[in-house]
Amino acid sequence: MDAYIDQLIKLAEKLSGLMCENLDIEKNRIIEAFSGSKGPSVGTKVAIYPQCPHPELIRGLREHTDAGGIILLLQDDQVPGLEFFKDGKWVKIPPSKNNRIFINTGDQVEILSNGVYKSALHRVMAMKDGNRLSIATFYNPAGDAIISPVSKLLLPNHIRFEDYLKLYTKTKFQDKGLRFETMKSMAMDNGNQRVLITEN
């Protein structure tokens, strides 16, 4: 498993370099932004979505965007269920054949690219045809990483990833646009950055 994750980290770093090249910014800008004081944060989540005899009666995993950076997903090779929202409709993602890795971008990539790359709204539907396996590896910023767009598009203030996660946990299943507007309204408090979190 460690060797697998090491390869995914290399893939995430290569992808981040390609994104930087496409944005016409320094090749290591995303890696440097994610590094904080300890280097990027990497974690892997293994999930099993059990089969459901009546999937029409439940919602499954509700629509959301991912809080972090680059998500590398190895999903089930037989059971579908993952859907992404694109061009006003839900698009079904087929099972991954031949160990293909599905790439998703999270909120921090959208922030760093100043919206050029969007974090993808997605959900997992309940299925009656079997259990669905999902192995997601998250290449995320360090907790103390400062996240902001590239300097020429810099927001008025910065935000730490750990502060963003506090906001995200309260608003994960809400419109990300509102989350980003709340983030933009953050305030400086004696030199320590904080986020003004509003309850709905």
C-alpha atoms as a PDB file:
ATOM      1  CA  MET A   1       0.000   0.000   0.000  1.00  0.00           C
ATOM      2  CA  ASP A   2       2.859   2.405   0.792  1.00  0.00           C
ATOM      3  CA  ALA A   3       4.377   1.873  -2.656  1.00  0.00           C
ATOM      4  CA  TYR A   4       0.969   2.533  -4.252  1.00  0.00           C
ATOM      5  CA  ILE A   5       0.557   5.794  -2.323  1.00  0.00           C
ATOM      6  CA  ASP A   6       4.116   6.874  -3.186  1.00  0.00           C
ATOM      7  CA  GLN A   7       3.264   6.478  -6.880  1.00  0.00           C
ATOM      8  CA  LEU A   8       0.070   8.479  -6.448  1.00  0.00           C
ATOM      9  CA  ILE A   9       2.001  11.297  -4.769  1.00  0.00           C
ATOM     10  CA  LYS A  10       4.319  11.420  -7.782  1.00  0.00           C
ATOM     11  CA  LEU A  11       1.289  11.488 -10.078  1.00  0.00           C
ATOM     12  CA  ALA A  12      -0.323  14.312  -8.076  1.00  0.00           C
ATOM     13  CA  GLU A  13       2.898  16.319  -8.238  1.00  0.00           C
ATOM     14  CA  LYS A  14       3.158  15.766 -11.989  1.00  0.00           C
ATOM     15  CA  LEU A  15      -0.467  16.842 -12.430  1.00  0.00           C
ATOM     16  CA  SER A  16       0.104  19.942 -10.312  1.00  0.00           C
ATOM     17  CA  GLY A  17       3.056  20.857 -12.531  1.00  0.00           C
ATOM     18  CA  LEU A  18       0.918  20.472 -15.650  1.00  0.00           C
ATOM     19  CA  MET A  19      -1.800  22.633 -14.125  1.00  0.00           C
ATOM     20  CA  CYS A  20       0.768  25.310 -13.306  1.00  0.00           C
ATOM     21  CA  GLU A  21       2.100  25.160 -16.850  1.00  0.00           C
ATOM     22  CA  ASN A  22      -1.439  25.558 -18.181  1.00  0.00           C
ATOM     23  CA  LEU A  23      -1.978  28.541 -15.850  1.00  0.00           C
ATOM     24  CA  ASP A  24       1.328  30.040 -17.014  1.00  0.00           C
ATOM     25  CA  ILE A  25       2.688  30.236 -13.473  1.00  0.00           C
ATOM     26  CA  GLU A  26       5.775  28.778 -11.787  1.00  0.00           C
ATOM     27  CA  LYS A  27       5.878  24.997 -12.207  1.00  0.00           C
ATOM     28  CA  ASN A  28       6.102  24.278  -8.462  1.00  0.00           C
ATOM     29  CA  ARG A  29       3.579  26.922  -7.364  1.00  0.00           C
ATOM     30  CA  ILE A  30       0.901  24.432  -6.243  1.00  0.00           C
ATOM     31  CA  ILE A  31       3.375  22.149  -4.455  1.00  0.00           C
ATOM     32  CA  GLU A  32       4.933  25.143  -2.689  1.00  0.00           C
ATOM     33  CA  ALA A  33       1.514  26.520  -1.734  1.00  0.00           C
ATOM     34  CA  PHE A  34       0.429  23.149  -0.343  1.00  0.00           C
ATOM     35  CA  SER A  35       3.658  22.591   1.599  1.00  0.00           C
ATOM     36  CA  GLY A  36       3.181  24.847   4.624  1.00  0.00           C
ATOM     37  CA  SER A  37       5.829  24.050   7.228  1.00  0.00           C
ATOM     38  CA  LYS A  38       5.643  20.247   6.869  1.00  0.00           C
ATOM     39  CA  GLY A  39       4.940  19.512   3.213  1.00  0.00           C
ATOM     40  CA  PRO A  40       1.652  18.586   1.570  1.00  0.00           C
ATOM     41  CA  SER A  41      -0.790  16.425   3.501  1.00  0.00           C
ATOM     42  CA  VAL A  42      -1.588  13.052   1.947  1.00  0.00           C
ATOM     43  CA  GLY A  43      -4.268  10.653   3.127  1.00  0.00           C
ATOM     44  CA  THR A  44      -6.094   7.653   1.724  1.00  0.00           C
ATOM     45  CA  LYS A  45      -9.699   6.726   2.444  1.00  0.00           C
ATOM     46  CA  VAL A  46     -11.088   3.282   1.664  1.00  0.00           C
ATOM     47  CA  ALA A  47     -14.881   3.201   1.508  1.00  0.00           C
ATOM     48  CA  ILE A  48     -17.384   0.465   0.802  1.00  0.00           C
ATOM     49  CA  TYR A  49     -20.853   1.559  -0.246  1.00  0.00           C
ATOM     50  CA  PRO A  50     -23.151  -1.391   0.527  1.00  0.00           C
ATOM     51  CA  GLN A  51     -25.719  -2.533  -1.986  1.00  0.00           C
ATOM     52  CA  CYS A  52     -29.232  -1.296  -1.368  1.00  0.00           C
ATOM     53  CA  PRO A  53     -32.338  -3.288  -2.365  1.00  0.00           C
ATOM     54  CA  HIS A  54     -34.353  -0.054  -2.816  1.00  0.00           C
ATOM     55  CA  PRO A  55     -31.941   2.703  -3.937  1.00  0.00           C
ATOM     56  CA  GLU A  56     -34.838   4.936  -4.979  1.00  0.00           C
ATOM     57  CA  LEU A  57     -35.691   5.391  -1.277  1.00  0.00           C
ATOM     58  CA  ILE A  58     -32.370   6.917  -0.172  1.00  0.00           C
ATOM     59  CA  ARG A  59     -30.011   9.641  -1.376  1.00  0.00           C
ATOM     60  CA  GLY A  60     -26.654   7.906  -1.016  1.00  0.00           C
ATOM     61  CA  LEU A  61     -23.719  10.274  -0.389  1.00  0.00           C
ATOM     62  CA  ARG A  62     -25.077  13.781  -0.997  1.00  0.00           C
ATOM     63  CA  GLU A  63     -23.621  16.138  -3.583  1.00  0.00           C
ATOM     64  CA  HIS A  64     -20.524  18.010  -2.405  1.00  0.00           C
ATOM     65  CA  THR A  65     -17.123  19.277  -3.463  1.00  0.00           C
ATOM     66  CA  ASP A  66     -13.909  18.078  -1.821  1.00  0.00           C
ATOM     67  CA  ALA A  67     -12.160  20.475   0.546  1.00  0.00           C
ATOM     68  CA  GLY A  68      -8.596  19.693  -0.478  1.00  0.00           C
ATOM     69  CA  GLY A  69      -6.426  19.707  -3.569  1.00  0.00           C
ATOM     70  CA  ILE A  70      -5.983  16.815  -5.986  1.00  0.00           C
ATOM     71  CA  ILE A  71      -7.988  13.651  -5.447  1.00  0.00           C
ATOM     72  CA  LEU A  72      -6.884  10.398  -7.088  1.00  0.00           C
ATOM     73  CA  LEU A  73      -9.645   7.819  -7.069  1.00  0.00           C
ATOM     74  CA  LEU A  74      -9.432   4.104  -7.729  1.00  0.00           C
ATOM     75  CA  GLN A  75     -13.057   3.052  -7.831  1.00  0.00           C
ATOM     76  CA  ASP A  76     -14.857  -0.230  -8.203  1.00  0.00           C
ATOM     77  CA  ASP A  77     -14.317  -2.038 -11.501  1.00  0.00           C
ATOM     78  CA  GLN A  78     -17.867  -3.431 -11.610  1.00  0.00           C
ATOM     79  CA  VAL A  79     -20.342  -1.400  -9.539  1.00  0.00           C
ATOM     80  CA  PRO A  80     -21.115   2.179 -10.653  1.00  0.00           C
ATOM     81  CA  GLY A  81     -22.592   4.951  -8.518  1.00  0.00           C
ATOM     82  CA  LEU A  82     -20.264   7.964  -8.823  1.00  0.00           C
ATOM     83  CA  GLU A  83     -21.779  10.982 -10.597  1.00  0.00           C
ATOM     84  CA  PHE A  84     -20.384  14.445 -11.416  1.00  0.00           C
ATOM     85  CA  PHE A  85     -22.394  17.586 -12.141  1.00  0.00           C
ATOM     86  CA  LYS A  86     -21.428  19.044 -15.513  1.00  0.00           C
ATOM     87  CA  ASP A  87     -23.205  21.495 -17.809  1.00  0.00           C
ATOM     88  CA  GLY A  88     -26.333  21.488 -15.666  1.00  0.00           C
ATOM     89  CA  LYS A  89     -26.797  17.728 -15.419  1.00  0.00           C
ATOM     90  CA  TRP A  90     -25.503  14.709 -13.533  1.00  0.00           C
ATOM     91  CA  VAL A  91     -23.038  12.575 -15.484  1.00  0.00           C
ATOM     92  CA  LYS A  92     -22.575   8.926 -14.488  1.00  0.00           C
ATOM     93  CA  ILE A  93     -18.949   7.837 -14.154  1.00  0.00           C
ATOM     94  CA  PRO A  94     -18.507   4.221 -15.284  1.00  0.00           C
ATOM     95  CA  PRO A  95     -16.625   1.696 -13.158  1.00  0.00           C
ATOM     96  CA  SER A  96     -12.828   1.904 -13.454  1.00  0.00           C
ATOM     97  CA  LYS A  97     -11.533  -0.834 -15.723  1.00  0.00           C
ATOM     98  CA  ASN A  98      -7.849  -1.824 -15.851  1.00  0.00           C
ATOM     99  CA  ASN A  99      -7.016  -0.012 -12.584  1.00  0.00           C
ATOM    100  CA  ARG A 100      -7.549   3.456 -14.079  1.00  0.00           C
ATOM    101  CA  ILE A 101      -7.208   6.377 -11.696  1.00  0.00           C
ATOM    102  CA  PHE A 102      -9.968   8.990 -11.793  1.00  0.00           C
ATOM    103  CA  ILE A 103      -8.732  12.536 -11.067  1.00  0.00           C
ATOM    104  CA  ASN A 104     -10.823  15.128  -9.228  1.00  0.00           C
ATOM    105  CA  THR A 105      -9.910  18.668  -8.182  1.00  0.00           C
ATOM    106  CA  GLY A 106     -10.890  20.110  -4.820  1.00  0.00           C
ATOM    107  CA  ASP A 107     -11.674  23.570  -3.486  1.00  0.00           C
ATOM    108  CA  GLN A 108      -8.037  24.540  -2.873  1.00  0.00           C
ATOM    109  CA  VAL A 109      -7.134  24.081  -6.547  1.00  0.00           C
ATOM    110  CA  GLU A 110     -10.057  26.332  -7.471  1.00  0.00           C
ATOM    111  CA  ILE A 111      -8.821  28.972  -5.049  1.00  0.00           C
ATOM    112  CA  LEU A 112      -5.184  28.781  -6.166  1.00  0.00           C
ATOM    113  CA  SER A 113      -6.175  28.981  -9.835  1.00  0.00           C
ATOM    114  CA  ASN A 114      -8.589  31.830  -9.081  1.00  0.00           C
ATOM    115  CA  GLY A 115     -11.421  29.778 -10.531  1.00  0.00           C
ATOM    116  CA  VAL A 116      -9.742  28.580 -13.726  1.00  0.00           C
ATOM    117  CA  TYR A 117      -9.915  25.018 -12.386  1.00  0.00           C
ATOM    118  CA  LYS A 118     -13.204  24.289 -10.624  1.00  0.00           C
ATOM    119  CA  SER A 119     -13.726  21.915  -7.744  1.00  0.00           C
ATOM    120  CA  ALA A 120     -16.142  19.311  -9.029  1.00  0.00           C
ATOM    121  CA  LEU A 121     -19.574  18.809  -7.513  1.00  0.00           C
ATOM    122  CA  HIS A 122     -20.155  15.066  -7.166  1.00  0.00           C
ATOM    123  CA  ARG A 123     -22.247  12.470  -5.376  1.00  0.00           C
ATOM    124  CA  VAL A 124     -22.498   8.702  -4.916  1.00  0.00           C
ATOM    125  CA  MET A 125     -25.793   7.016  -5.676  1.00  0.00           C
ATOM    126  CA  ALA A 126     -27.016   3.924  -3.845  1.00  0.00           C
ATOM    127  CA  MET A 127     -26.910   0.835  -6.056  1.00  0.00           C
ATOM    128  CA  LYS A 128     -28.723  -2.484  -5.848  1.00  0.00           C
ATOM    129  CA  ASP A 129     -26.244  -4.469  -7.954  1.00  0.00           C
ATOM    130  CA  GLY A 130     -23.561  -5.001  -5.322  1.00  0.00           C
ATOM    131  CA  ASN A 131     -21.147  -3.338  -2.903  1.00  0.00           C
ATOM    132  CA  ARG A 132     -19.068  -0.502  -4.395  1.00  0.00           C
ATOM    133  CA  LEU A 133     -15.413  -0.113  -3.397  1.00  0.00           C
ATOM    134  CA  SER A 134     -13.722   3.271  -3.506  1.00  0.00           C
ATOM    135  CA  ILE A 135     -10.077   4.073  -2.653  1.00  0.00           C
ATOM    136  CA  ALA A 136      -9.466   7.824  -2.679  1.00  0.00           C
ATOM    137  CA  THR A 137      -6.048   9.375  -2.077  1.00  0.00           C
ATOM    138  CA  PHE A 138      -6.074  13.070  -1.204  1.00  0.00           C
ATOM    139  CA  TYR A 139      -3.108  15.307  -2.038  1.00  0.00           C
ATOM    140  CA  ASN A 140      -3.978  18.273   0.171  1.00  0.00           C
ATOM    141  CA  PRO A 141      -2.353  21.368   1.636  1.00  0.00           C
ATOM    142  CA  ALA A 142      -0.659  21.149   5.016  1.00  0.00           C
ATOM    143  CA  GLY A 143      -2.840  22.432   7.846  1.00  0.00           C
ATOM    144  CA  ASP A 144      -0.837  25.649   8.119  1.00  0.00           C
ATOM    145  CA  ALA A 145      -0.516  26.203   4.361  1.00  0.00           C
ATOM    146  CA  ILE A 146      -1.598  29.669   3.211  1.00  0.00           C
ATOM    147  CA  ILE A 147      -4.035  29.371   0.343  1.00  0.00           C
ATOM    148  CA  SER A 148      -4.653  32.212  -2.092  1.00  0.00           C
ATOM    149  CA  PRO A 149      -4.701  32.768  -5.860  1.00  0.00           C
ATOM    150  CA  VAL A 150      -1.455  33.437  -7.690  1.00  0.00           C
ATOM    151  CA  SER A 151      -0.046  36.837  -6.726  1.00  0.00           C
ATOM    152  CA  LYS A 152      -1.408  38.771  -9.697  1.00  0.00           C
ATOM    153  CA  LEU A 153      -4.928  37.624  -8.783  1.00  0.00           C
ATOM    154  CA  LEU A 154      -4.492  37.705  -5.018  1.00  0.00           C
ATOM    155  CA  LEU A 155      -7.571  38.029  -2.823  1.00  0.00           C
ATOM    156  CA  PRO A 156      -7.528  40.827  -0.223  1.00  0.00           C
ATOM    157  CA  ASN A 157      -6.717  38.309   2.526  1.00  0.00           C
ATOM    158  CA  HIS A 158      -5.302  34.810   2.909  1.00  0.00           C
ATOM    159  CA  ILE A 159      -6.791  31.763   4.570  1.00  0.00           C
ATOM    160  CA  ARG A 160      -5.176  28.775   6.254  1.00  0.00           C
ATOM    161  CA  PHE A 161      -6.353  25.359   5.104  1.00  0.00           C
ATOM    162  CA  GLU A 162      -7.251  24.320   8.647  1.00  0.00           C
ATOM    163  CA  ASP A 163      -9.503  27.411   8.920  1.00  0.00           C
ATOM    164  CA  TYR A 164     -11.103  26.533   5.617  1.00  0.00           C
ATOM    165  CA  LEU A 165     -11.788  22.995   6.877  1.00  0.00           C
ATOM    166  CA  LYS A 166     -13.680  24.424   9.859  1.00  0.00           C
ATOM    167  CA  LEU A 167     -15.902  26.332   7.458  1.00  0.00           C
ATOM    168  CA  TYR A 168     -16.163  23.334   5.105  1.00  0.00           C
ATOM    169  CA  THR A 169     -17.379  20.944   7.795  1.00  0.00           C
ATOM    170  CA  LYS A 170     -20.298  23.283   8.512  1.00  0.00           C
ATOM    171  CA  THR A 171     -21.174  23.887   4.858  1.00  0.00           C
ATOM    172  CA  LYS A 172     -20.048  20.758   2.970  1.00  0.00           C
ATOM    173  CA  PHE A 173     -23.460  20.018   1.484  1.00  0.00           C
ATOM    174  CA  GLN A 174     -24.291  23.628   0.640  1.00  0.00           C
ATOM    175  CA  ASP A 175     -23.469  25.714  -2.396  1.00  0.00           C
ATOM    176  CA  LYS A 176     -19.687  26.182  -2.594  1.00  0.00           C
ATOM    177  CA  GLY A 177     -20.194  29.711  -3.952  1.00  0.00           C
ATOM    178  CA  LEU A 178     -21.628  30.763  -0.611  1.00  0.00           C
ATOM    179  CA  ARG A 179     -18.706  29.044   1.124  1.00  0.00           C
ATOM    180  CA  PHE A 180     -16.210  30.981  -0.988  1.00  0.00           C
ATOM    181  CA  GLU A 181     -18.027  34.264  -0.341  1.00  0.00           C
ATOM    182  CA  THR A 182     -17.826  33.584   3.407  1.00  0.00           C
ATOM    183  CA  MET A 183     -14.131  32.791   3.002  1.00  0.00           C
ATOM    184  CA  LYS A 184     -13.576  36.104   1.217  1.00  0.00           C
ATOM    185  CA  SER A 185     -15.174  37.935   4.115  1.00  0.00           C
ATOM    186  CA  MET A 186     -12.607  36.599   6.579  1.00  0.00           C
ATOM    187  CA  ALA A 187     -11.059  39.096   8.945  1.00  0.00           C
ATOM    188  CA  MET A 188      -7.655  39.659  10.455  1.00  0.00           C
ATOM    189  CA  ASP A 189      -7.551  39.482  14.248  1.00  0.00           C
ATOM    190  CA  ASN A 190      -4.313  40.673  15.827  1.00  0.00           C
ATOM    191  CA  GLY A 191      -2.266  39.165  13.038  1.00  0.00           C
ATOM    192  CA  ASN A 192      -3.926  35.753  13.322  1.00  0.00           C
ATOM    193  CA  GLN A 193      -6.132  34.808  10.408  1.00  0.00           C
ATOM    194  CA  ARG A 194      -9.635  33.623  11.160  1.00  0.00           C
ATOM    195  CA  VAL A 195     -12.781  32.970   9.175  1.00  0.00           C
ATOM    196  CA  LEU A 196     -16.154  34.526   9.904  1.00  0.00           C
ATOM    197  CA  ILE A 197     -18.437  31.506   9.862  1.00  0.00           C
ATOM    198  CA  THR A 198     -22.142  32.163   9.499  1.00  0.00           C
ATOM    199  CA  GLU A 199     -24.741  29.596  10.470  1.00  0.00           C
ATOM    200  CA  ASN A 200     -27.682  29.029   8.114  1.00  0.00           C
END
